[in-house]
Amino acid sequence: MTTVGEILQKERIDKGIALLDIEKQIKVREKYLRAIEENNWDFFSSKIYITGILKNYSRLLGLDEKKVLAFFRRDYEKKDEVKFKRKVSQQYLTPETRQVLKRGFIILFLFFILYFGYQLKLYFAPPRLTILSPKTTSFFREDRIKIIGKTEKDAMVVIAGERVYQNKDGIFEYNFPLHDGKNKLSIELTGANGKKAKAEKIFIRRSK
């Protein structure tokens, strides 16, 4: 039975496109694309994240994204299918027990809705950036400073047109040259969902 990963991989190979080229086009790291083609769903933390990649990937290859997602749902649901061999008959439950179970299901349902909403918000939000170092913005006769920042580990970081790679914790480093006066640092971020963010910071170098 053909899987969604096999469909994408075959179409990509038939078109003569390398995974690295796909990464550049849809801004998704090569390792995640390879996991998609290998149907390695355990590699991802969220089903929503997978569907977002599949949509962009299938569009780039000229495939019908609805059909691709239908294949994915079939494969994914088969993986997560849980069968209950026994069901507790309500005739053995007291009214008090049924009330407790009912309240428990309501709480669980509300928790699921809140969690799903939070995940959806994260998916559509642009990547966040935190500058860890330096803490100061004013320097005396320094030719360059080391910028240490943190963002999502799946985001693409570009500084002064140069791609900067972060570690597994999302932390990246960049040596920023300084000249006398004001120096503007611009950091461009692109999340795995394609959302972009830009941050700017001014550093001042004093010669006296």
N, C-alpha and C. Protein backbone atom coordinates (compact mmCIF):
# COMPACT_ATOMS: atom_id res chain seq x y z
N MET A 1 0.85 -1.19 0.00
CA MET A 1 0.00 0.00 0.00
C MET A 1 0.89 1.25 0.00
N THR A 2 0.64 2.13 -0.97
CA THR A 2 1.45 3.34 -1.10
C THR A 2 1.20 4.29 0.06
N THR A 3 2.28 4.85 0.60
CA THR A 3 2.18 5.79 1.72
C THR A 3 2.38 7.22 1.22
N VAL A 4 2.00 8.18 2.05
CA VAL A 4 2.14 9.58 1.67
C VAL A 4 3.62 9.94 1.47
N GLY A 5 4.50 9.36 2.28
CA GLY A 5 5.92 9.63 2.13
C GLY A 5 6.46 9.14 0.79
N GLU A 6 6.00 7.96 0.36
CA GLU A 6 6.44 7.40 -0.92
C GLU A 6 5.95 8.25 -2.09
N ILE A 7 4.72 8.78 -1.95
CA ILE A 7 4.16 9.62 -3.02
C ILE A 7 5.02 10.88 -3.20
N LEU A 8 5.33 11.54 -2.09
CA LEU A 8 6.12 12.77 -2.15
C LEU A 8 7.54 12.50 -2.66
N GLN A 9 8.13 11.43 -2.13
CA GLN A 9 9.51 11.12 -2.53
C GLN A 9 9.59 10.79 -4.02
N LYS A 10 8.65 10.00 -4.53
CA LYS A 10 8.66 9.62 -5.94
C LYS A 10 8.48 10.85 -6.82
N GLU A 11 7.55 11.73 -6.46
CA GLU A 11 7.32 12.93 -7.26
C GLU A 11 8.54 13.84 -7.24
N ARG A 12 9.17 13.96 -6.07
CA ARG A 12 10.38 14.80 -5.97
C ARG A 12 11.51 14.27 -6.83
N ILE A 13 11.73 12.95 -6.76
CA ILE A 13 12.80 12.32 -7.53
C ILE A 13 12.52 12.41 -9.02
N ASP A 14 11.24 12.19 -9.40
CA ASP A 14 10.86 12.29 -10.82
C ASP A 14 11.13 13.68 -11.37
N LYS A 15 10.96 14.70 -10.51
CA LYS A 15 11.20 16.08 -10.94
C LYS A 15 12.67 16.48 -10.80
N GLY A 16 13.48 15.57 -10.23
CA GLY A 16 14.91 15.84 -10.08
C GLY A 16 15.23 16.92 -9.07
N ILE A 17 14.44 16.97 -7.99
CA ILE A 17 14.65 18.01 -6.97
C ILE A 17 15.28 17.38 -5.73
N ALA A 18 16.32 17.99 -5.21
CA ALA A 18 16.98 17.50 -3.99
C ALA A 18 16.24 18.01 -2.76
N LEU A 19 16.38 17.27 -1.67
CA LEU A 19 15.73 17.68 -0.42
C LEU A 19 16.21 19.06 0.04
N LEU A 20 17.49 19.34 -0.21
CA LEU A 20 18.03 20.64 0.19
C LEU A 20 17.34 21.77 -0.54
N ASP A 21 16.96 21.53 -1.80
CA ASP A 21 16.25 22.55 -2.57
C ASP A 21 14.84 22.75 -2.01
N ILE A 22 14.21 21.65 -1.58
CA ILE A 22 12.89 21.75 -0.96
C ILE A 22 13.00 22.58 0.33
N GLU A 23 14.06 22.33 1.11
CA GLU A 23 14.27 23.08 2.36
C GLU A 23 14.32 24.58 2.09
N LYS A 24 15.04 24.96 1.05
CA LYS A 24 15.18 26.39 0.74
C LYS A 24 13.86 27.00 0.29
N GLN A 25 13.05 26.21 -0.41
CA GLN A 25 11.80 26.73 -0.95
C GLN A 25 10.72 26.90 0.12
N ILE A 26 10.56 25.90 0.98
CA ILE A 26 9.45 25.96 1.95
C ILE A 26 9.92 26.23 3.38
N LYS A 27 11.25 26.47 3.54
CA LYS A 27 11.82 26.85 4.84
C LYS A 27 11.58 25.79 5.92
N VAL A 28 11.76 24.53 5.57
CA VAL A 28 11.64 23.42 6.52
C VAL A 28 12.94 22.63 6.47
N ARG A 29 13.53 22.35 7.61
CA ARG A 29 14.81 21.67 7.66
C ARG A 29 14.77 20.33 6.95
N GLU A 30 15.89 19.96 6.34
CA GLU A 30 15.98 18.73 5.55
C GLU A 30 15.65 17.48 6.36
N LYS A 31 16.05 17.46 7.63
CA LYS A 31 15.81 16.28 8.45
C LYS A 31 14.32 16.02 8.65
N TYR A 32 13.52 17.09 8.69
CA TYR A 32 12.08 16.92 8.84
C TYR A 32 11.45 16.44 7.54
N LEU A 33 11.98 16.93 6.42
CA LEU A 33 11.48 16.47 5.12
C LEU A 33 11.78 14.99 4.92
N ARG A 34 12.98 14.59 5.36
CA ARG A 34 13.34 13.17 5.23
C ARG A 34 12.44 12.30 6.11
N ALA A 35 12.12 12.80 7.30
CA ALA A 35 11.22 12.05 8.18
C ALA A 35 9.84 11.90 7.55
N ILE A 36 9.39 12.95 6.85
CA ILE A 36 8.10 12.89 6.14
C ILE A 36 8.14 11.80 5.08
N GLU A 37 9.20 11.79 4.29
CA GLU A 37 9.30 10.81 3.20
C GLU A 37 9.43 9.39 3.74
N GLU A 38 9.95 9.24 4.94
CA GLU A 38 10.09 7.92 5.55
C GLU A 38 8.89 7.56 6.44
N ASN A 39 7.88 8.43 6.45
CA ASN A 39 6.67 8.22 7.26
C ASN A 39 7.01 8.03 8.74
N ASN A 40 8.03 8.76 9.18
CA ASN A 40 8.47 8.66 10.57
C ASN A 40 7.75 9.72 11.39
N TRP A 41 6.48 9.45 11.74
CA TRP A 41 5.66 10.44 12.43
C TRP A 41 6.10 10.65 13.87
N ASP A 42 6.81 9.67 14.45
CA ASP A 42 7.29 9.83 15.82
C ASP A 42 8.35 10.93 15.92
N PHE A 43 8.85 11.39 14.78
CA PHE A 43 9.89 12.41 14.74
C PHE A 43 9.31 13.79 15.07
N PHE A 44 7.98 13.91 14.98
CA PHE A 44 7.32 15.20 15.17
C PHE A 44 6.54 15.24 16.48
N SER A 45 6.43 16.43 17.03
CA SER A 45 5.73 16.60 18.30
C SER A 45 4.26 16.94 18.12
N SER A 46 3.86 17.31 16.90
CA SER A 46 2.49 17.74 16.70
C SER A 46 1.97 17.32 15.33
N LYS A 47 0.74 16.82 15.29
CA LYS A 47 0.10 16.44 14.03
C LYS A 47 -0.16 17.69 13.18
N ILE A 48 -0.47 18.81 13.82
CA ILE A 48 -0.72 20.06 13.11
C ILE A 48 0.53 20.50 12.35
N TYR A 49 1.68 20.33 12.98
CA TYR A 49 2.95 20.70 12.35
C TYR A 49 3.19 19.86 11.10
N ILE A 50 2.85 18.56 11.17
CA ILE A 50 3.04 17.67 10.02
C ILE A 50 2.16 18.10 8.85
N THR A 51 0.88 18.39 9.14
CA THR A 51 -0.03 18.77 8.06
C THR A 51 0.40 20.07 7.40
N GLY A 52 0.97 20.99 8.18
CA GLY A 52 1.46 22.25 7.61
C GLY A 52 2.59 22.00 6.61
N ILE A 53 3.51 21.11 6.97
CA ILE A 53 4.61 20.77 6.07
C ILE A 53 4.08 20.08 4.82
N LEU A 54 3.15 19.14 5.01
CA LEU A 54 2.61 18.39 3.87
C LEU A 54 1.92 19.31 2.87
N LYS A 55 1.21 20.32 3.35
CA LYS A 55 0.54 21.25 2.45
C LYS A 55 1.55 22.00 1.58
N ASN A 56 2.57 22.56 2.23
CA ASN A 56 3.59 23.31 1.49
C ASN A 56 4.39 22.42 0.55
N TYR A 57 4.71 21.21 1.03
CA TYR A 57 5.50 20.27 0.23
C TYR A 57 4.73 19.86 -1.02
N SER A 58 3.46 19.46 -0.85
CA SER A 58 2.66 19.00 -1.98
C SER A 58 2.42 20.13 -2.98
N ARG A 59 2.20 21.36 -2.49
CA ARG A 59 2.01 22.49 -3.40
C ARG A 59 3.24 22.73 -4.25
N LEU A 60 4.41 22.65 -3.62
CA LEU A 60 5.66 22.87 -4.35
C LEU A 60 5.85 21.84 -5.45
N LEU A 61 5.44 20.60 -5.18
CA LEU A 61 5.59 19.53 -6.18
C LEU A 61 4.45 19.49 -7.18
N GLY A 62 3.45 20.35 -6.99
CA GLY A 62 2.33 20.37 -7.91
C GLY A 62 1.33 19.26 -7.67
N LEU A 63 1.29 18.73 -6.45
CA LEU A 63 0.36 17.66 -6.11
C LEU A 63 -0.91 18.23 -5.48
N ASP A 64 -1.98 17.46 -5.51
CA ASP A 64 -3.24 17.85 -4.88
C ASP A 64 -3.08 17.68 -3.37
N GLU A 65 -3.05 18.81 -2.66
CA GLU A 65 -2.78 18.74 -1.21
C GLU A 65 -3.88 17.99 -0.46
N LYS A 66 -5.12 18.04 -0.94
CA LYS A 66 -6.21 17.34 -0.28
C LYS A 66 -6.02 15.83 -0.35
N LYS A 67 -5.56 15.34 -1.50
CA LYS A 67 -5.31 13.90 -1.64
C LYS A 67 -4.12 13.48 -0.78
N VAL A 68 -3.09 14.33 -0.75
CA VAL A 68 -1.91 14.03 0.06
C VAL A 68 -2.29 13.95 1.53
N LEU A 69 -3.11 14.90 2.00
CA LEU A 69 -3.54 14.89 3.40
C LEU A 69 -4.44 13.70 3.70
N ALA A 70 -5.23 13.27 2.71
CA ALA A 70 -6.08 12.09 2.91
C ALA A 70 -5.23 10.84 3.11
N PHE A 71 -4.14 10.71 2.35
CA PHE A 71 -3.22 9.58 2.53
C PHE A 71 -2.57 9.66 3.91
N PHE A 72 -2.21 10.88 4.31
CA PHE A 72 -1.56 11.04 5.62
C PHE A 72 -2.50 10.64 6.75
N ARG A 73 -3.74 11.13 6.69
CA ARG A 73 -4.70 10.80 7.75
C ARG A 73 -4.91 9.29 7.86
N ARG A 74 -4.94 8.63 6.71
CA ARG A 74 -5.10 7.18 6.73
C ARG A 74 -3.91 6.51 7.44
N ASP A 75 -2.70 6.95 7.09
CA ASP A 75 -1.50 6.36 7.68
C ASP A 75 -1.39 6.70 9.16
N TYR A 76 -1.68 7.97 9.50
CA TYR A 76 -1.51 8.43 10.87
C TYR A 76 -2.55 7.80 11.80
N GLU A 77 -3.80 7.73 11.35
CA GLU A 77 -4.85 7.16 12.17
C GLU A 77 -4.64 5.67 12.39
N LYS A 78 -4.07 5.01 11.39
CA LYS A 78 -3.78 3.59 11.54
C LYS A 78 -2.71 3.39 12.62
N LYS A 79 -1.76 4.32 12.69
CA LYS A 79 -0.70 4.23 13.68
C LYS A 79 -1.26 4.43 15.09
N ASP A 80 -2.17 5.42 15.20
CA ASP A 80 -2.70 5.78 16.52
C ASP A 80 -4.00 5.07 16.89
N GLU A 81 -4.39 4.09 16.08
CA GLU A 81 -5.67 3.43 16.34
C GLU A 81 -5.62 2.64 17.64
N VAL A 82 -6.58 2.88 18.45
CA VAL A 82 -6.67 2.18 19.74
C VAL A 82 -8.01 1.46 19.80
N LYS A 83 -7.95 0.20 20.11
CA LYS A 83 -9.18 -0.58 20.21
C LYS A 83 -9.41 -0.99 21.66
N PHE A 84 -10.58 -0.75 22.12
CA PHE A 84 -10.93 -1.14 23.47
C PHE A 84 -11.61 -2.50 23.41
N LYS A 85 -11.07 -3.47 24.11
CA LYS A 85 -11.63 -4.82 24.10
C LYS A 85 -12.85 -4.95 25.00
N ARG A 86 -12.91 -4.08 25.99
CA ARG A 86 -14.04 -4.13 26.91
C ARG A 86 -14.60 -2.75 27.15
N LYS A 87 -15.87 -2.70 27.36
CA LYS A 87 -16.53 -1.46 27.74
C LYS A 87 -17.28 -1.70 29.04
N VAL A 88 -17.15 -0.73 29.91
CA VAL A 88 -17.84 -0.86 31.20
C VAL A 88 -19.32 -0.55 31.00
N SER A 89 -20.15 -1.47 31.31
CA SER A 89 -21.60 -1.29 31.16
C SER A 89 -22.10 -0.34 32.23
N GLN A 90 -22.97 0.60 31.81
CA GLN A 90 -23.46 1.60 32.76
C GLN A 90 -24.35 0.99 33.85
N GLN A 91 -24.85 -0.22 33.57
CA GLN A 91 -25.72 -0.81 34.57
C GLN A 91 -24.97 -1.17 35.86
N TYR A 92 -23.64 -1.26 35.77
CA TYR A 92 -22.84 -1.56 36.95
C TYR A 92 -22.36 -0.30 37.67
N LEU A 93 -22.72 0.87 37.12
CA LEU A 93 -22.28 2.12 37.72
C LEU A 93 -23.40 2.76 38.52
N THR A 94 -23.06 3.25 39.67
CA THR A 94 -24.04 3.96 40.49
C THR A 94 -24.24 5.36 39.92
N PRO A 95 -25.35 6.03 40.25
CA PRO A 95 -25.58 7.40 39.78
C PRO A 95 -24.44 8.35 40.17
N GLU A 96 -23.91 8.15 41.36
CA GLU A 96 -22.81 9.01 41.81
C GLU A 96 -21.57 8.82 40.93
N THR A 97 -21.30 7.53 40.59
CA THR A 97 -20.14 7.24 39.75
C THR A 97 -20.31 7.83 38.36
N ARG A 98 -21.55 7.74 37.83
CA ARG A 98 -21.80 8.31 36.50
C ARG A 98 -21.60 9.82 36.50
N GLN A 99 -22.00 10.48 37.60
CA GLN A 99 -21.81 11.93 37.70
C GLN A 99 -20.33 12.29 37.71
N VAL A 100 -19.55 11.51 38.47
CA VAL A 100 -18.10 11.76 38.53
C VAL A 100 -17.48 11.58 37.15
N LEU A 101 -17.87 10.50 36.45
CA LEU A 101 -17.32 10.25 35.12
C LEU A 101 -17.73 11.35 34.14
N LYS A 102 -18.97 11.80 34.27
CA LYS A 102 -19.46 12.86 33.38
C LYS A 102 -18.65 14.14 33.57
N ARG A 103 -18.42 14.49 34.83
CA ARG A 103 -17.63 15.70 35.11
C ARG A 103 -16.19 15.54 34.62
N GLY A 104 -15.68 14.33 34.79
CA GLY A 104 -14.31 14.07 34.33
C GLY A 104 -14.19 14.23 32.83
N PHE A 105 -15.18 13.73 32.08
CA PHE A 105 -15.16 13.86 30.62
C PHE A 105 -15.29 15.32 30.20
N ILE A 106 -16.10 16.09 30.93
CA ILE A 106 -16.25 17.51 30.60
C ILE A 106 -14.93 18.25 30.81
N ILE A 107 -14.26 17.97 31.94
CA ILE A 107 -12.98 18.61 32.23
C ILE A 107 -11.94 18.23 31.17
N LEU A 108 -11.93 16.93 30.81
CA LEU A 108 -10.99 16.45 29.81
C LEU A 108 -11.25 17.12 28.46
N PHE A 109 -12.53 17.28 28.11
CA PHE A 109 -12.89 17.91 26.85
C PHE A 109 -12.45 19.37 26.82
N LEU A 110 -12.68 20.09 27.92
CA LEU A 110 -12.27 21.49 27.99
C LEU A 110 -10.76 21.63 27.91
N PHE A 111 -10.06 20.70 28.57
CA PHE A 111 -8.60 20.72 28.52
C PHE A 111 -8.12 20.51 27.09
N PHE A 112 -8.76 19.59 26.37
CA PHE A 112 -8.38 19.32 24.99
C PHE A 112 -8.61 20.55 24.12
N ILE A 113 -9.75 21.22 24.31
CA ILE A 113 -10.05 22.42 23.51
C ILE A 113 -9.01 23.51 23.76
N LEU A 114 -8.67 23.72 25.03
CA LEU A 114 -7.67 24.75 25.37
C LEU A 114 -6.29 24.39 24.81
N TYR A 115 -5.94 23.11 24.93
CA TYR A 115 -4.64 22.67 24.42
C TYR A 115 -4.58 22.82 22.91
N PHE A 116 -5.66 22.41 22.23
CA PHE A 116 -5.71 22.51 20.77
C PHE A 116 -5.61 23.96 20.34
N GLY A 117 -6.32 24.85 21.04
CA GLY A 117 -6.27 26.27 20.72
C GLY A 117 -4.87 26.85 20.91
N TYR A 118 -4.20 26.40 21.98
CA TYR A 118 -2.83 26.87 22.24
C TYR A 118 -1.87 26.40 21.15
N GLN A 119 -2.00 25.12 20.75
CA GLN A 119 -1.15 24.58 19.69
C GLN A 119 -1.40 25.30 18.37
N LEU A 120 -2.67 25.62 18.12
CA LEU A 120 -3.02 26.32 16.88
C LEU A 120 -2.42 27.72 16.87
N LYS A 121 -2.45 28.37 18.03
CA LYS A 121 -1.86 29.70 18.15
C LYS A 121 -0.36 29.65 17.91
N LEU A 122 0.30 28.64 18.48
CA LEU A 122 1.74 28.49 18.27
C LEU A 122 2.06 28.24 16.80
N TYR A 123 1.21 27.45 16.14
CA TYR A 123 1.47 27.08 14.75
C TYR A 123 1.41 28.30 13.83
N PHE A 124 0.43 29.18 14.06
CA PHE A 124 0.24 30.33 13.19
C PHE A 124 1.07 31.54 13.61
N ALA A 125 1.71 31.47 14.77
CA ALA A 125 2.48 32.61 15.26
C ALA A 125 3.88 32.64 14.63
N PRO A 126 4.44 33.82 14.40
CA PRO A 126 5.82 33.92 13.91
C PRO A 126 6.79 33.50 15.00
N PRO A 127 8.00 33.10 14.64
CA PRO A 127 8.97 32.68 15.66
C PRO A 127 9.36 33.82 16.60
N ARG A 128 9.61 33.48 17.85
CA ARG A 128 10.01 34.48 18.84
C ARG A 128 11.53 34.51 18.96
N LEU A 129 12.05 35.66 19.36
CA LEU A 129 13.51 35.84 19.49
C LEU A 129 13.84 36.47 20.84
N THR A 130 14.87 35.91 21.48
CA THR A 130 15.39 36.49 22.72
C THR A 130 16.89 36.68 22.58
N ILE A 131 17.37 37.90 22.78
CA ILE A 131 18.81 38.16 22.76
C ILE A 131 19.35 37.89 24.16
N LEU A 132 20.19 36.86 24.27
CA LEU A 132 20.76 36.48 25.56
C LEU A 132 22.00 37.29 25.92
N SER A 133 22.75 37.67 24.90
CA SER A 133 23.99 38.41 25.13
C SER A 133 24.33 39.17 23.84
N PRO A 134 24.88 40.38 23.99
CA PRO A 134 25.28 41.06 25.22
C PRO A 134 24.10 41.75 25.90
N LYS A 135 24.28 42.04 27.17
CA LYS A 135 23.23 42.72 27.93
C LYS A 135 23.28 44.23 27.73
N THR A 136 24.47 44.74 27.40
CA THR A 136 24.63 46.18 27.20
C THR A 136 24.61 46.50 25.71
N THR A 137 24.35 47.77 25.37
CA THR A 137 24.32 48.18 23.97
C THR A 137 25.43 49.19 23.65
N SER A 138 26.25 49.51 24.64
CA SER A 138 27.31 50.49 24.45
C SER A 138 28.67 49.84 24.71
N PHE A 139 29.62 50.08 23.78
CA PHE A 139 30.95 49.45 23.89
C PHE A 139 32.03 50.49 23.62
N PHE A 140 33.21 50.21 24.14
CA PHE A 140 34.32 51.14 24.03
C PHE A 140 35.47 50.48 23.27
N ARG A 141 35.70 50.94 22.03
CA ARG A 141 36.81 50.48 21.19
C ARG A 141 36.77 48.99 20.85
N GLU A 142 35.65 48.37 20.89
CA GLU A 142 35.55 46.94 20.53
C GLU A 142 35.30 46.82 19.04
N ASP A 143 36.08 45.96 18.37
CA ASP A 143 35.92 45.78 16.93
C ASP A 143 34.72 44.92 16.58
N ARG A 144 34.40 43.99 17.44
CA ARG A 144 33.25 43.12 17.19
C ARG A 144 32.73 42.56 18.51
N ILE A 145 31.47 42.17 18.51
CA ILE A 145 30.85 41.59 19.71
C ILE A 145 30.17 40.27 19.32
N LYS A 146 30.03 39.41 20.29
CA LYS A 146 29.37 38.12 20.03
C LYS A 146 27.90 38.24 20.42
N ILE A 147 27.04 38.04 19.42
CA ILE A 147 25.60 38.04 19.65
C ILE A 147 25.16 36.61 19.94
N ILE A 148 24.50 36.42 21.06
CA ILE A 148 23.94 35.11 21.40
C ILE A 148 22.43 35.27 21.54
N GLY A 149 21.69 34.53 20.75
CA GLY A 149 20.24 34.64 20.77
C GLY A 149 19.58 33.27 20.85
N LYS A 150 18.29 33.30 21.08
CA LYS A 150 17.54 32.06 21.18
C LYS A 150 16.20 32.21 20.47
N THR A 151 15.84 31.18 19.69
CA THR A 151 14.56 31.15 19.01
C THR A 151 14.12 29.69 18.88
N GLU A 152 13.03 29.43 18.17
CA GLU A 152 12.61 28.05 17.96
C GLU A 152 13.68 27.28 17.20
N LYS A 153 13.90 26.03 17.59
CA LYS A 153 14.97 25.25 16.97
C LYS A 153 14.69 24.95 15.50
N ASP A 154 13.41 25.07 15.08
CA ASP A 154 13.07 24.78 13.69
C ASP A 154 13.05 26.03 12.81
N ALA A 155 13.29 27.20 13.41
CA ALA A 155 13.24 28.45 12.65
C ALA A 155 14.53 28.65 11.86
N MET A 156 14.42 29.42 10.77
CA MET A 156 15.60 29.77 9.99
C MET A 156 16.03 31.18 10.38
N VAL A 157 17.32 31.33 10.73
CA VAL A 157 17.85 32.61 11.20
C VAL A 157 18.78 33.18 10.13
N VAL A 158 18.54 34.44 9.75
CA VAL A 158 19.39 35.11 8.77
C VAL A 158 19.82 36.46 9.35
N ILE A 159 21.16 36.69 9.38
CA ILE A 159 21.71 37.94 9.88
C ILE A 159 22.61 38.51 8.80
N ALA A 160 22.32 39.74 8.37
CA ALA A 160 23.11 40.41 7.32
C ALA A 160 23.23 39.53 6.08
N GLY A 161 22.14 38.86 5.72
CA GLY A 161 22.12 38.00 4.54
C GLY A 161 22.80 36.66 4.71
N GLU A 162 23.29 36.38 5.91
CA GLU A 162 24.00 35.13 6.18
C GLU A 162 23.14 34.20 7.02
N ARG A 163 23.04 32.96 6.60
CA ARG A 163 22.26 31.97 7.35
C ARG A 163 23.06 31.56 8.59
N VAL A 164 22.41 31.64 9.73
CA VAL A 164 23.04 31.27 11.01
C VAL A 164 22.27 30.09 11.59
N TYR A 165 23.01 29.06 12.01
CA TYR A 165 22.37 27.84 12.50
C TYR A 165 22.39 27.80 14.03
N GLN A 166 21.27 27.40 14.60
CA GLN A 166 21.16 27.27 16.04
C GLN A 166 21.35 25.80 16.45
N ASN A 167 21.61 25.58 17.74
CA ASN A 167 21.78 24.22 18.23
C ASN A 167 20.42 23.61 18.56
N LYS A 168 20.45 22.42 19.16
CA LYS A 168 19.20 21.69 19.43
C LYS A 168 18.31 22.43 20.44
N ASP A 169 18.90 23.39 21.16
CA ASP A 169 18.12 24.18 22.12
C ASP A 169 17.64 25.50 21.52
N GLY A 170 17.93 25.71 20.23
CA GLY A 170 17.50 26.94 19.57
C GLY A 170 18.43 28.12 19.78
N ILE A 171 19.62 27.89 20.33
CA ILE A 171 20.57 28.98 20.62
C ILE A 171 21.56 29.13 19.46
N PHE A 172 21.77 30.38 19.05
CA PHE A 172 22.71 30.65 17.96
C PHE A 172 23.69 31.74 18.38
N GLU A 173 24.84 31.80 17.67
CA GLU A 173 25.86 32.81 17.94
C GLU A 173 26.25 33.49 16.64
N TYR A 174 26.61 34.79 16.74
CA TYR A 174 27.02 35.54 15.55
C TYR A 174 27.98 36.64 15.96
N ASN A 175 29.12 36.71 15.27
CA ASN A 175 30.12 37.76 15.54
C ASN A 175 29.76 39.00 14.74
N PHE A 176 29.37 40.05 15.45
CA PHE A 176 28.86 41.26 14.83
C PHE A 176 29.95 42.35 14.84
N PRO A 177 30.43 42.78 13.66
CA PRO A 177 31.47 43.81 13.62
C PRO A 177 30.92 45.18 14.00
N LEU A 178 31.75 45.98 14.67
CA LEU A 178 31.34 47.32 15.11
C LEU A 178 32.23 48.38 14.48
N HIS A 179 31.63 49.51 14.12
CA HIS A 179 32.39 50.68 13.73
C HIS A 179 31.96 51.83 14.64
N ASP A 180 32.68 52.92 14.60
CA ASP A 180 32.38 54.04 15.49
C ASP A 180 30.95 54.54 15.26
N GLY A 181 30.27 54.81 16.34
CA GLY A 181 28.91 55.33 16.25
C GLY A 181 27.87 54.23 16.37
N LYS A 182 26.74 54.42 15.71
CA LYS A 182 25.64 53.48 15.81
C LYS A 182 25.81 52.32 14.83
N ASN A 183 25.50 51.14 15.29
CA ASN A 183 25.56 49.92 14.48
C ASN A 183 24.22 49.18 14.62
N LYS A 184 23.54 49.04 13.50
CA LYS A 184 22.21 48.40 13.55
C LYS A 184 22.32 46.91 13.20
N LEU A 185 21.85 46.08 14.11
CA LEU A 185 21.81 44.63 13.90
C LEU A 185 20.39 44.24 13.50
N SER A 186 20.26 43.58 12.35
CA SER A 186 18.96 43.12 11.88
C SER A 186 18.96 41.59 11.82
N ILE A 187 17.98 40.99 12.45
CA ILE A 187 17.84 39.53 12.47
C ILE A 187 16.50 39.17 11.86
N GLU A 188 16.53 38.33 10.82
CA GLU A 188 15.31 37.87 10.16
C GLU A 188 15.06 36.41 10.52
N LEU A 189 13.84 36.11 10.90
CA LEU A 189 13.46 34.76 11.29
C LEU A 189 12.33 34.25 10.41
N THR A 190 12.41 32.97 10.04
CA THR A 190 11.33 32.33 9.30
C THR A 190 11.00 31.02 10.00
N GLY A 191 9.76 30.91 10.49
CA GLY A 191 9.37 29.70 11.20
C GLY A 191 9.08 28.55 10.26
N ALA A 192 8.93 27.35 10.82
CA ALA A 192 8.61 26.17 10.02
C ALA A 192 7.26 26.32 9.34
N ASN A 193 6.39 27.19 9.87
CA ASN A 193 5.07 27.41 9.28
C ASN A 193 5.11 28.50 8.20
N GLY A 194 6.31 29.03 7.92
CA GLY A 194 6.44 30.05 6.88
C GLY A 194 6.27 31.47 7.38
N LYS A 195 5.87 31.64 8.64
CA LYS A 195 5.69 32.97 9.21
C LYS A 195 7.04 33.63 9.46
N LYS A 196 7.11 34.93 9.20
CA LYS A 196 8.37 35.66 9.32
C LYS A 196 8.33 36.66 10.47
N ALA A 197 9.50 36.94 11.01
CA ALA A 197 9.64 37.96 12.05
C ALA A 197 10.99 38.65 11.84
N LYS A 198 11.05 39.90 12.25
CA LYS A 198 12.29 40.66 12.11
C LYS A 198 12.55 41.45 13.38
N ALA A 199 13.79 41.41 13.83
CA ALA A 199 14.16 42.15 15.04
C ALA A 199 15.38 43.02 14.73
N GLU A 200 15.38 44.22 15.27
CA GLU A 200 16.51 45.13 15.08
C GLU A 200 16.98 45.66 16.43
N LYS A 201 18.29 45.85 16.54
CA LYS A 201 18.84 46.38 17.78
C LYS A 201 20.04 47.27 17.44
N ILE A 202 20.17 48.37 18.16
CA ILE A 202 21.26 49.32 17.92
C ILE A 202 22.34 49.14 18.98
N PHE A 203 23.60 49.01 18.50
CA PHE A 203 24.76 48.95 19.39
C PHE A 203 25.65 50.15 19.07
N ILE A 204 26.19 50.75 20.12
CA ILE A 204 27.00 51.96 19.94
C ILE A 204 28.45 51.66 20.32
N ARG A 205 29.38 52.05 19.44
CA ARG A 205 30.81 51.89 19.72
C ARG A 205 31.41 53.29 19.91
N ARG A 206 32.05 53.47 21.05
CA ARG A 206 32.66 54.76 21.37
C ARG A 206 34.17 54.61 21.29
N SER A 207 34.80 55.54 20.63
CA SER A 207 36.26 55.49 20.53
C SER A 207 36.95 56.29 21.62
N LYS A 208 36.14 57.09 22.32
CA LYS A 208 36.72 57.90 23.41
C LYS A 208 35.89 57.73 24.66
